[in-house]
């Protein structure tokens, strides 16, 4: 069971209708609608939404079409892939009417909720007026949206170029940096993910996401990843997070982060030996690494790195594709938590709540570099996308979703930290707001990744119990929680209970090291 303190907190913030902790289900559309019937189900929160009946090709037809007509890179999750045909806020429904709590948000993309009525209405009204002209003609929505978006940024970040995806945004940021500085070399972190276009594939530093193409690495340097948990250096006070690593820390109060300083020294070594002095184009950094497994950097590191890049003639690019739009809770943009202002910011995913929309925001001086030649994006900032973008900003503000992300996310993190103390496979819990990762390990002292079959078993069990989340990290052993920002405390309880059941089932199969329900502290 959860601690008395956390249960007391739950009682304070939850409606009285949230009664029993576990229940079984007998109907597909009940509030406890499970995906399977042979496991103890955690009670699902009430929802007034009832999905429409599915009308479409059969499950078998979909599988056959996927196999014969879609490219093989479209890999479906789970042994028996889900056919999702409807969504409402934090809920998804499969073709048989089963309900699932979406704790992954379409890979961190559904920011304000599936089919949010205000966003739907804005799109519907715009579709009835004007779909598309390209920007050879002026239309009001792109101008209205540009003003609203840049108002969210500090300093002189006042110029925006709209595109359609995160890869496009980072691709354009690379072009801007090289044209503006006249330099070629760009740095990114090992373990980073910045896109899959041929240009951005070089920035992405995961062997699993790279094709053997000539020229991909041209002018790109991958530097040591400052990871306080799996990296060479780390400690118990490195991260800007409610939850820290279990590694020991030698830092003195007021003396700065020793791990951060060690990683920064390694970055300086790269500048000394691997780059032309004073001739760097840019460095890219996610505020929290997403695909890499919710990796957070030591406090103060990015601020120092940005100063070093600028001293060498370059620009610093903040990749906010996953961390922007209030997801980290405390700030609207993830980079604000690192106490620096970047030169270029890229964003996608949550910006459009699932609509194809992305943007690059920079200073007018840097934006002027695009005037050196013709540059055009046919769909960027089209009337429909702009209307959706405005509605998303409205909903975040009106429904106080950034604040919700902070409060619900912090509660979730602290509860996960308690699970960490009881299940030795939970090596690390990290994140901010509703950008959360749980790293599963074989050995918590050595931090050895949990083998893929075991991770998949836990993943499948949670799906069967009605909760969906992602996996990240090079080894796929980091459970990724990035739900729509509208999730509440009851939803978090459902996710926690489901994880608890899955962990217990896994640990009961282990011949040794089972500590479920034990009060003793971990050995690491």
Protein backbone atom coordinates (compact mmCIF):
# COMPACT_ATOMS: atom_id res chain seq x y z
CA UNK A 1 0.00 0.00 0.00
CA UNK A 2 1.02 3.61 -0.39
CA UNK A 3 2.39 5.44 2.66
CA UNK A 4 -0.08 7.04 5.06
CA UNK A 5 1.27 10.47 4.11
CA UNK A 6 0.61 9.92 0.42
CA UNK A 7 -2.75 8.32 1.02
CA UNK A 8 -3.70 11.27 3.18
CA UNK A 9 -2.68 13.60 0.38
CA UNK A 10 -4.78 11.54 -2.03
CA UNK A 11 -7.83 11.85 0.21
CA UNK A 12 -7.40 15.61 0.37
CA UNK A 13 -7.22 16.15 -3.39
CA UNK A 14 -9.54 13.44 -4.70
CA UNK A 15 -13.32 13.44 -4.86
CA UNK A 16 -15.07 11.24 -2.32
CA UNK A 17 -16.35 9.05 -5.18
CA UNK A 18 -12.88 7.49 -5.40
CA UNK A 19 -13.62 4.74 -2.93
CA UNK A 20 -12.04 1.31 -3.20
CA UNK A 21 -8.49 0.87 -4.37
CA UNK A 22 -9.06 -2.28 -6.43
CA UNK A 23 -12.05 -3.74 -8.21
CA UNK A 24 -12.89 -6.19 -10.95
CA UNK A 25 -14.77 -5.33 -14.09
CA UNK A 26 -17.55 -7.03 -16.00
CA UNK A 27 -18.46 -4.55 -18.77
CA UNK A 28 -16.35 -2.96 -21.48
CA UNK A 29 -17.71 0.53 -20.94
CA UNK A 30 -17.77 0.61 -17.13
CA UNK A 31 -15.47 2.95 -15.28
CA UNK A 32 -13.22 -0.04 -14.60
CA UNK A 33 -13.17 -1.28 -18.17
CA UNK A 34 -10.12 -3.57 -18.39
CA UNK A 35 -8.29 -4.97 -21.35
CA UNK A 36 -8.18 -8.49 -19.88
CA UNK A 37 -10.18 -10.22 -17.18
CA UNK A 38 -7.66 -12.50 -15.44
CA UNK A 39 -5.82 -9.87 -13.37
CA UNK A 40 -6.96 -7.77 -10.44
CA UNK A 41 -8.07 -4.46 -11.90
CA UNK A 42 -7.48 -1.06 -10.40
CA UNK A 43 -10.62 1.03 -10.41
CA UNK A 44 -10.75 3.50 -13.27
CA UNK A 45 -11.91 7.05 -12.59
CA UNK A 46 -15.36 8.03 -13.83
CA UNK A 47 -15.77 9.62 -17.24
CA UNK A 48 -18.95 10.81 -18.85
CA UNK A 49 -17.66 10.10 -22.33
CA UNK A 50 -19.00 7.07 -24.17
CA UNK A 51 -17.18 6.10 -27.36
CA UNK A 52 -19.02 5.61 -30.60
CA UNK A 53 -19.20 2.13 -32.03
CA UNK A 54 -16.30 1.18 -34.26
CA UNK A 55 -17.01 1.08 -37.98
CA UNK A 56 -14.10 0.11 -40.18
CA UNK A 57 -11.96 -2.75 -41.47
CA UNK A 58 -11.61 -5.83 -39.31
CA UNK A 59 -8.61 -6.36 -37.03
CA UNK A 60 -7.32 -9.02 -39.42
CA UNK A 61 -7.68 -6.70 -42.43
CA UNK A 62 -5.74 -3.97 -40.64
CA UNK A 63 -2.92 -6.38 -39.81
CA UNK A 64 -2.76 -7.56 -43.42
CA UNK A 65 -2.73 -4.02 -44.83
CA UNK A 66 -0.02 -3.03 -42.39
CA UNK A 67 2.06 -6.01 -43.45
CA UNK A 68 1.62 -5.62 -47.20
CA UNK A 69 1.21 -1.89 -47.87
CA UNK A 70 2.89 0.08 -45.07
CA UNK A 71 6.65 0.41 -44.75
CA UNK A 72 8.28 -1.85 -42.12
CA UNK A 73 9.53 1.06 -40.02
CA UNK A 74 5.96 1.36 -38.65
CA UNK A 75 6.48 -1.05 -35.76
CA UNK A 76 3.39 -1.56 -33.61
CA UNK A 77 3.62 -1.80 -29.83
CA UNK A 78 2.60 -4.92 -27.88
CA UNK A 79 2.31 -8.61 -28.82
CA UNK A 80 -1.24 -7.99 -29.95
CA UNK A 81 -1.18 -4.42 -31.28
CA UNK A 82 -4.02 -2.12 -30.31
CA UNK A 83 -6.40 -0.60 -32.82
CA UNK A 84 -7.26 2.78 -31.33
CA UNK A 85 -10.27 4.41 -32.95
CA UNK A 86 -11.30 7.16 -30.52
CA UNK A 87 -9.83 9.44 -27.88
CA UNK A 88 -11.23 11.80 -25.27
CA UNK A 89 -8.97 13.90 -23.03
CA UNK A 90 -6.66 11.42 -21.21
CA UNK A 91 -8.53 8.35 -22.47
CA UNK A 92 -8.16 6.13 -25.54
CA UNK A 93 -10.61 3.49 -26.80
CA UNK A 94 -9.85 0.47 -28.93
CA UNK A 95 -12.03 -1.01 -31.65
CA UNK A 96 -13.77 -3.26 -29.12
CA UNK A 97 -14.64 -0.37 -26.81
CA UNK A 98 -12.02 -1.01 -24.14
CA UNK A 99 -10.78 2.09 -22.33
CA UNK A 100 -7.11 2.89 -21.67
CA UNK A 101 -5.45 5.63 -19.66
CA UNK A 102 -3.00 7.31 -22.02
CA UNK A 103 0.13 8.05 -20.00
CA UNK A 104 2.26 8.65 -23.10
CA UNK A 105 0.24 11.30 -24.93
CA UNK A 106 0.97 10.03 -28.43
CA UNK A 107 4.72 10.31 -27.73
CA UNK A 108 4.47 13.55 -25.75
CA UNK A 109 2.27 15.15 -28.39
CA UNK A 110 -1.24 15.36 -26.92
CA UNK A 111 -0.76 18.29 -24.58
CA UNK A 112 -4.25 19.47 -23.61
CA UNK A 113 -6.20 16.26 -24.17
CA UNK A 114 -7.44 14.06 -27.00
CA UNK A 115 -10.13 15.83 -29.03
CA UNK A 116 -10.29 18.74 -26.59
CA UNK A 117 -13.60 20.48 -27.38
CA UNK A 118 -12.11 23.98 -27.61
CA UNK A 119 -9.35 22.86 -29.98
CA UNK A 120 -11.85 20.84 -32.01
CA UNK A 121 -14.12 23.88 -32.29
CA UNK A 122 -11.27 26.16 -33.40
CA UNK A 123 -10.25 23.70 -36.10
CA UNK A 124 -13.83 23.16 -37.24
CA UNK A 125 -14.49 26.89 -37.54
CA UNK A 126 -11.28 27.44 -39.51
CA UNK A 127 -11.93 24.50 -41.85
CA UNK A 128 -15.29 26.01 -42.74
CA UNK A 129 -13.58 29.29 -43.74
CA UNK A 130 -10.15 28.60 -45.23
CA UNK A 131 -7.90 25.57 -45.33
CA UNK A 132 -4.84 26.66 -47.22
CA UNK A 133 -3.33 29.41 -49.34
CA UNK A 134 0.40 29.08 -48.55
CA UNK A 135 2.06 32.23 -47.29
CA UNK A 136 2.28 33.85 -50.72
CA UNK A 137 -0.92 35.50 -49.53
CA UNK A 138 -1.41 36.94 -46.09
CA UNK A 139 -4.04 35.38 -43.86
CA UNK A 140 -4.87 36.62 -40.36
CA UNK A 141 -4.34 33.49 -38.29
CA UNK A 142 -0.58 33.12 -38.76
CA UNK A 143 -0.06 36.73 -37.68
CA UNK A 144 -2.33 36.37 -34.66
CA UNK A 145 -0.61 33.15 -33.66
CA UNK A 146 2.91 34.54 -34.13
CA UNK A 147 2.17 37.36 -31.69
CA UNK A 148 0.68 34.99 -29.14
CA UNK A 149 3.56 32.50 -29.36
CA UNK A 150 6.53 34.87 -29.18
CA UNK A 151 4.92 36.61 -26.18
CA UNK A 152 5.74 33.41 -24.26
CA UNK A 153 9.50 33.90 -24.71
CA UNK A 154 12.04 35.95 -22.76
CA UNK A 155 14.55 38.39 -24.16
CA UNK A 156 14.77 39.06 -27.87
CA UNK A 157 13.34 35.73 -29.01
CA UNK A 158 10.72 37.47 -31.14
CA UNK A 159 10.91 35.95 -34.65
CA UNK A 160 9.17 32.71 -35.58
CA UNK A 161 9.21 30.42 -38.61
CA UNK A 162 6.46 27.79 -38.71
CA UNK A 163 7.08 24.29 -40.03
CA UNK A 164 5.38 20.90 -39.63
CA UNK A 165 7.46 18.61 -37.41
CA UNK A 166 10.25 18.49 -34.87
CA UNK A 167 12.71 17.12 -37.41
CA UNK A 168 11.92 20.03 -39.73
CA UNK A 169 12.33 22.51 -36.88
CA UNK A 170 15.75 21.19 -35.89
CA UNK A 171 16.75 20.90 -39.53
CA UNK A 172 15.96 24.58 -40.00
CA UNK A 173 17.76 25.53 -36.78
CA UNK A 174 20.91 23.82 -38.09
CA UNK A 175 20.64 25.79 -41.32
CA UNK A 176 20.09 29.08 -39.45
CA UNK A 177 23.07 28.52 -37.18
CA UNK A 178 25.45 27.67 -40.01
CA UNK A 179 24.33 30.50 -42.28
CA UNK A 180 24.28 33.10 -39.49
CA UNK A 181 27.69 32.25 -38.00
CA UNK A 182 29.43 31.18 -41.19
CA UNK A 183 30.73 28.18 -39.23
CA UNK A 184 30.13 24.48 -39.83
CA UNK A 185 30.64 22.44 -36.66
CA UNK A 186 27.61 21.62 -34.48
CA UNK A 187 27.66 19.77 -31.18
CA UNK A 188 25.05 17.55 -29.55
CA UNK A 189 25.07 15.06 -26.68
CA UNK A 190 25.57 11.35 -26.95
CA UNK A 191 22.15 9.84 -26.18
CA UNK A 192 20.37 12.85 -27.75
CA UNK A 193 17.49 12.62 -30.19
CA UNK A 194 16.79 15.58 -32.50
CA UNK A 195 15.03 14.04 -35.47
CA UNK A 196 15.30 11.61 -38.36
CA UNK A 197 15.68 13.74 -41.48
CA UNK A 198 19.01 13.07 -43.22
CA UNK A 199 20.26 16.39 -41.78
CA UNK A 200 19.15 15.86 -38.18
CA UNK A 201 20.04 12.17 -38.12
CA UNK A 202 23.61 13.31 -37.58
CA UNK A 203 22.55 15.24 -34.47
CA UNK A 204 20.76 12.19 -33.10
CA UNK A 205 23.27 10.10 -31.18
CA UNK A 206 21.63 6.68 -30.81
CA UNK A 207 22.99 3.89 -32.98
CA UNK A 208 19.50 2.38 -33.06
CA UNK A 209 18.15 5.43 -34.94
CA UNK A 210 20.93 5.85 -37.51
CA UNK A 211 21.20 4.56 -41.06
CA UNK A 212 24.64 3.97 -42.65
CA UNK A 213 24.51 6.99 -44.95
CA UNK A 214 27.52 8.88 -46.23
CA UNK A 215 27.89 12.41 -44.95
CA UNK A 216 25.45 12.14 -42.04
CA UNK A 217 28.14 13.08 -39.53
CA UNK A 218 29.57 15.91 -41.61
CA UNK A 219 30.48 18.75 -39.25
CA UNK A 220 28.81 17.13 -36.23
CA UNK A 221 30.43 16.27 -32.91
CA UNK A 222 28.81 14.21 -30.14
CA UNK A 223 30.02 15.12 -26.66
CA UNK A 224 29.84 13.23 -23.37
CA UNK A 225 26.32 13.04 -22.01
CA UNK A 226 26.12 14.64 -18.53
CA UNK A 227 23.93 11.92 -17.03
CA UNK A 228 23.91 11.97 -13.19
CA UNK A 229 22.54 8.40 -12.98
CA UNK A 230 24.24 6.29 -15.67
CA UNK A 231 27.17 8.60 -16.41
CA UNK A 232 30.70 8.57 -14.99
CA UNK A 233 29.83 11.26 -12.46
CA UNK A 234 26.64 11.82 -10.53
CA UNK A 235 25.30 12.46 -7.10
CA UNK A 236 22.29 12.82 -4.86
CA UNK A 237 21.75 16.53 -5.47
CA UNK A 238 22.56 17.02 -9.15
CA UNK A 239 19.18 17.31 -10.80
CA UNK A 240 16.50 19.96 -10.84
CA UNK A 241 13.91 17.37 -9.82
CA UNK A 242 11.81 16.44 -6.78
CA UNK A 243 13.58 13.05 -6.90
CA UNK A 244 17.34 12.47 -6.96
CA UNK A 245 19.59 9.52 -7.71
CA UNK A 246 20.69 7.10 -5.02
CA UNK A 247 24.36 7.75 -5.82
CA UNK A 248 26.48 9.32 -3.09
CA UNK A 249 27.35 12.98 -3.45
CA UNK A 250 30.43 14.91 -2.30
CA UNK A 251 29.08 18.36 -3.16
CA UNK A 252 29.31 21.05 -0.51
CA UNK A 253 26.44 23.44 0.06
CA UNK A 254 26.99 26.56 -2.01
CA UNK A 255 29.95 24.98 -3.77
CA UNK A 256 28.21 23.99 -6.98
CA UNK A 257 27.70 20.54 -8.46
CA UNK A 258 30.93 18.56 -8.69
CA UNK A 259 29.48 16.16 -11.27
CA UNK A 260 28.36 19.09 -13.40
CA UNK A 261 31.83 20.62 -13.21
CA UNK A 262 33.43 17.33 -14.23
CA UNK A 263 31.16 17.01 -17.26
CA UNK A 264 31.78 20.64 -18.18
CA UNK A 265 35.54 20.01 -18.05
CA UNK A 266 35.02 17.19 -20.57
CA UNK A 267 33.13 19.58 -22.82
CA UNK A 268 36.02 22.03 -22.64
CA UNK A 269 38.37 19.23 -23.68
CA UNK A 270 36.29 18.72 -26.82
CA UNK A 271 36.62 22.40 -27.66
CA UNK A 272 40.37 22.25 -27.07
CA UNK A 273 41.09 19.21 -29.18
CA UNK A 274 38.24 18.49 -31.62
CA UNK A 275 36.94 21.84 -32.87
CA UNK A 276 38.37 24.82 -34.76
CA UNK A 277 39.07 27.49 -32.17
CA UNK A 278 36.40 30.20 -32.17
CA UNK A 279 34.62 28.68 -35.19
CA UNK A 280 31.64 26.74 -33.85
CA UNK A 281 28.18 27.05 -35.42
CA UNK A 282 25.97 25.74 -32.62
CA UNK A 283 25.25 23.29 -29.85
CA UNK A 284 21.88 21.56 -29.49
CA UNK A 285 20.43 20.36 -26.18
CA UNK A 286 17.09 19.04 -25.04
CA UNK A 287 16.12 20.50 -21.67
CA UNK A 288 15.38 16.93 -20.57
CA UNK A 289 16.32 14.15 -22.97
CA UNK A 290 13.16 12.46 -24.20
CA UNK A 291 13.90 9.46 -26.42
CA UNK A 292 17.14 9.03 -24.47
CA UNK A 293 15.15 8.07 -21.37
CA UNK A 294 14.15 11.25 -19.49
CA UNK A 295 17.77 12.09 -18.72
CA UNK A 296 18.26 15.29 -16.72
CA UNK A 297 21.50 17.23 -16.66
CA UNK A 298 23.35 18.52 -13.59
CA UNK A 299 22.16 21.91 -12.39
CA UNK A 300 24.04 24.78 -14.01
CA UNK A 301 25.61 22.67 -16.77
CA UNK A 302 23.63 24.00 -19.74
CA UNK A 303 24.13 27.61 -18.67
CA UNK A 304 27.90 27.13 -18.63
CA UNK A 305 27.82 25.18 -21.89
CA UNK A 306 25.89 27.98 -23.61
CA UNK A 307 28.49 30.53 -22.50
CA UNK A 308 31.31 28.34 -23.83
CA UNK A 309 29.60 27.88 -27.21
CA UNK A 310 29.00 31.62 -27.58
CA UNK A 311 32.61 32.37 -26.64
CA UNK A 312 33.57 30.22 -29.61
CA UNK A 313 31.36 32.01 -32.09
CA UNK A 314 28.36 29.68 -31.93
CA UNK A 315 24.67 29.72 -31.05
CA UNK A 316 22.93 27.63 -28.41
CA UNK A 317 19.78 25.81 -29.53
CA UNK A 318 17.18 24.60 -27.02
CA UNK A 319 15.19 21.63 -28.32
CA UNK A 320 11.80 22.05 -26.60
CA UNK A 321 9.99 19.50 -28.76
CA UNK A 322 9.10 17.42 -25.70
CA UNK A 323 9.61 19.78 -22.76
CA UNK A 324 7.79 22.89 -23.98
CA UNK A 325 4.29 24.24 -23.35
CA UNK A 326 4.19 23.78 -19.59
CA UNK A 327 5.09 20.09 -19.48
CA UNK A 328 7.81 20.49 -16.86
CA UNK A 329 5.35 22.35 -14.62
CA UNK A 330 7.51 24.95 -12.96
CA UNK A 331 8.16 26.79 -16.23
CA UNK A 332 6.51 27.11 -19.62
CA UNK A 333 9.79 26.19 -21.35
CA UNK A 334 12.22 23.58 -20.10
CA UNK A 335 15.26 25.79 -20.67
CA UNK A 336 13.96 28.24 -18.05
CA UNK A 337 14.71 25.62 -15.41
CA UNK A 338 18.38 25.79 -16.46
CA UNK A 339 18.59 29.57 -15.97
CA UNK A 340 19.72 30.59 -19.45
CA UNK A 341 18.17 32.06 -22.59
CA UNK A 342 19.01 30.20 -25.81
CA UNK A 343 19.63 31.81 -29.20
CA UNK A 344 17.22 29.49 -31.03
CA UNK A 345 14.32 27.42 -29.70
CA UNK A 346 12.72 24.54 -31.60
CA UNK A 347 9.30 23.15 -30.72
CA UNK A 348 6.76 20.64 -32.03
CA UNK A 349 4.54 17.87 -30.59
CA UNK A 350 2.56 19.56 -27.79
CA UNK A 351 2.39 22.82 -29.74
CA UNK A 352 -0.49 21.43 -31.81
CA UNK A 353 -1.98 18.73 -29.53
CA UNK A 354 -1.48 16.24 -32.36
CA UNK A 355 -2.00 18.53 -35.35
CA UNK A 356 1.08 18.73 -37.65
CA UNK A 357 2.64 21.94 -36.37
CA UNK A 358 6.13 22.99 -35.31
CA UNK A 359 8.14 26.18 -35.07
CA UNK A 360 11.57 27.76 -34.73
CA UNK A 361 11.79 30.89 -32.58
CA UNK A 362 14.91 33.05 -32.61
CA UNK A 363 16.09 36.65 -32.58
CA UNK A 364 15.38 39.01 -35.50
CA UNK A 365 19.14 39.19 -36.22
CA UNK A 366 19.48 35.42 -36.59
CA UNK A 367 16.19 35.14 -38.49
CA UNK A 368 17.53 37.67 -41.01
CA UNK A 369 20.04 35.04 -42.18
CA UNK A 370 17.18 33.27 -44.00
CA UNK A 371 16.97 36.29 -46.30
CA UNK A 372 20.26 35.37 -47.97
CA UNK A 373 18.43 32.98 -50.30
CA UNK A 374 14.88 31.83 -50.98
CA UNK A 375 13.44 29.63 -48.24
CA UNK A 376 9.85 28.46 -48.14
CA UNK A 377 7.59 25.95 -46.39
CA UNK A 378 4.34 25.20 -48.23
CA UNK A 379 2.27 24.22 -45.19
CA UNK A 380 4.09 26.00 -42.36
CA UNK A 381 1.70 28.17 -40.35
CA UNK A 382 -1.30 27.40 -42.57
CA UNK A 383 -4.69 28.69 -41.35
CA UNK A 384 -5.75 25.39 -39.78
CA UNK A 385 -2.46 24.86 -37.92
CA UNK A 386 -2.44 28.44 -36.66
CA UNK A 387 -6.02 28.19 -35.39
CA UNK A 388 -5.15 24.99 -33.52
CA UNK A 389 -1.98 26.54 -32.07
CA UNK A 390 -3.91 29.52 -30.71
CA UNK A 391 -6.54 27.24 -29.15
CA UNK A 392 -3.86 25.13 -27.47
CA UNK A 393 -2.34 28.23 -25.86
CA UNK A 394 -5.81 29.31 -24.73
CA UNK A 395 -6.55 25.96 -23.09
CA UNK A 396 -3.18 25.78 -21.30
CA UNK A 397 -3.85 29.21 -19.81
CA UNK A 398 -7.58 28.89 -19.08
CA UNK A 399 -7.37 25.43 -17.52
CA UNK A 400 -4.09 26.16 -15.70
CA UNK A 401 -2.51 23.05 -17.18
CA UNK A 402 1.04 24.15 -16.41
CA UNK A 403 0.12 24.34 -12.73
CA UNK A 404 -1.66 21.00 -12.99
CA UNK A 405 1.48 19.50 -14.52
CA UNK A 406 3.54 20.73 -11.58
CA UNK A 407 1.17 19.55 -8.86
CA UNK A 408 0.09 16.22 -10.32
CA UNK A 409 3.56 15.47 -11.70
CA UNK A 410 5.31 16.17 -8.39
CA UNK A 411 2.84 13.92 -6.58
CA UNK A 412 3.41 11.19 -9.17
CA UNK A 413 7.20 11.48 -8.81
CA UNK A 414 7.10 11.24 -5.02
CA UNK A 415 4.84 8.18 -5.17
CA UNK A 416 7.15 6.57 -7.72
CA UNK A 417 10.06 7.27 -5.40
CA UNK A 418 8.25 5.26 -2.75
CA UNK A 419 7.80 2.39 -5.20
CA UNK A 420 11.54 2.63 -5.87
CA UNK A 421 12.23 1.86 -2.23
CA UNK A 422 10.15 -1.30 -2.39
CA UNK A 423 11.07 -2.78 -5.75
CA UNK A 424 14.75 -3.31 -6.45
CA UNK A 425 14.18 -3.35 -10.22
CA UNK A 426 13.40 0.39 -10.01
CA UNK A 427 16.88 1.87 -10.30
CA UNK A 428 15.99 5.53 -10.79
CA UNK A 429 12.98 7.84 -10.82
CA UNK A 430 13.45 11.24 -12.45
CA UNK A 431 11.81 14.13 -14.22
CA UNK A 432 9.84 17.32 -13.66
CA UNK A 433 6.15 17.98 -13.97
CA UNK A 434 4.61 15.42 -16.32
CA UNK A 435 7.91 14.56 -18.02
CA UNK A 436 8.79 11.44 -16.00
CA UNK A 437 11.03 8.41 -16.41
CA UNK A 438 11.46 5.22 -14.37
CA UNK A 439 14.64 3.28 -15.16
CA UNK A 440 14.38 -0.48 -14.60
CA UNK A 441 17.56 -2.37 -13.70
CA UNK A 442 18.80 -5.89 -13.05
CA UNK A 443 21.22 -4.73 -10.38
CA UNK A 444 20.61 -1.43 -8.62
CA UNK A 445 24.22 -1.12 -7.44
CA UNK A 446 25.73 -1.67 -10.89
CA UNK A 447 22.78 0.08 -12.59
CA UNK A 448 22.62 -2.71 -15.18
CA UNK A 449 19.61 -2.29 -17.50
CA UNK A 450 16.77 -4.74 -16.95
CA UNK A 451 16.71 -7.26 -19.79
CA UNK A 452 14.28 -6.43 -22.59
CA UNK A 453 12.01 -9.50 -22.14
CA UNK A 454 11.36 -8.49 -18.51
CA UNK A 455 10.67 -4.87 -19.44
CA UNK A 456 8.27 -5.99 -22.16
CA UNK A 457 6.47 -8.28 -19.72
CA UNK A 458 5.86 -5.37 -17.35
CA UNK A 459 4.81 -3.17 -20.27
CA UNK A 460 2.36 -5.77 -21.54
CA UNK A 461 0.88 -6.33 -18.08
CA UNK A 462 0.19 -2.63 -17.66
CA UNK A 463 -1.45 -2.49 -21.08
CA UNK A 464 -3.64 -5.45 -20.14
CA UNK A 465 -4.64 -3.59 -16.99
CA UNK A 466 -5.64 -0.55 -19.02
CA UNK A 467 -2.66 1.83 -18.71
CA UNK A 468 -0.46 2.82 -21.67
CA UNK A 469 2.99 4.37 -21.42
CA UNK A 470 6.15 4.47 -23.50
CA UNK A 471 9.67 3.15 -23.27
CA UNK A 472 12.89 5.09 -23.80
CA UNK A 473 16.64 4.92 -23.44
CA UNK A 474 19.15 3.12 -25.62
CA UNK A 475 18.18 -0.22 -24.04
CA UNK A 476 14.45 0.51 -23.91
CA UNK A 477 14.42 0.00 -20.14
CA UNK A 478 13.13 3.43 -19.09
CA UNK A 479 9.37 3.64 -18.63
CA UNK A 480 8.23 6.96 -20.07
CA UNK A 481 5.27 8.86 -18.63
CA UNK A 482 4.21 11.94 -20.64
CA UNK A 483 0.41 12.05 -20.41
CA UNK A 484 -1.89 14.82 -21.57
CA UNK A 485 -1.52 17.70 -19.12
CA UNK A 486 -5.16 17.33 -18.07
CA UNK A 487 -4.56 14.12 -16.07
CA UNK A 488 -5.55 14.25 -12.42
CA UNK A 489 -4.60 12.64 -9.13
CA UNK A 490 -7.09 9.81 -9.65
CA UNK A 491 -5.44 8.98 -12.97
CA UNK A 492 -2.04 8.91 -11.30
CA UNK A 493 -3.41 6.53 -8.66
CA UNK A 494 -4.59 4.22 -11.44
CA UNK A 495 -1.14 4.30 -13.04
CA UNK A 496 0.58 3.68 -9.69
CA UNK A 497 -1.68 0.78 -8.77
CA UNK A 498 -1.13 -0.75 -12.19
CA UNK A 499 2.65 -0.43 -11.93
CA UNK A 500 2.51 -1.91 -8.45
CA UNK A 501 0.64 -4.94 -9.76
CA UNK A 502 3.01 -5.39 -12.69
CA UNK A 503 6.11 -5.04 -10.51
CA UNK A 504 4.72 -7.46 -7.96
CA UNK A 505 3.95 -10.01 -10.67
CA UNK A 506 7.48 -9.66 -12.05
CA UNK A 507 9.20 -9.83 -8.66
CA UNK A 508 7.20 -12.88 -7.59
CA UNK A 509 8.85 -14.76 -10.46
CA UNK A 510 12.35 -13.95 -9.35
CA UNK A 511 14.11 -16.58 -7.29
CA UNK A 512 15.89 -14.03 -5.15
CA UNK A 513 15.97 -10.35 -4.31
CA UNK A 514 12.21 -10.01 -3.81
CA UNK A 515 11.52 -7.15 -1.43
CA UNK A 516 7.95 -6.33 -2.17
CA UNK A 517 6.32 -4.90 0.94
CA UNK A 518 9.51 -4.95 2.97
CA UNK A 519 10.37 -2.04 5.22
CA UNK A 520 14.14 -2.44 4.98
CA UNK A 521 16.12 0.11 2.97
CA UNK A 522 17.70 -0.70 -0.38
CA UNK A 523 21.32 -1.84 -0.47
CA UNK A 524 22.17 0.87 -3.00
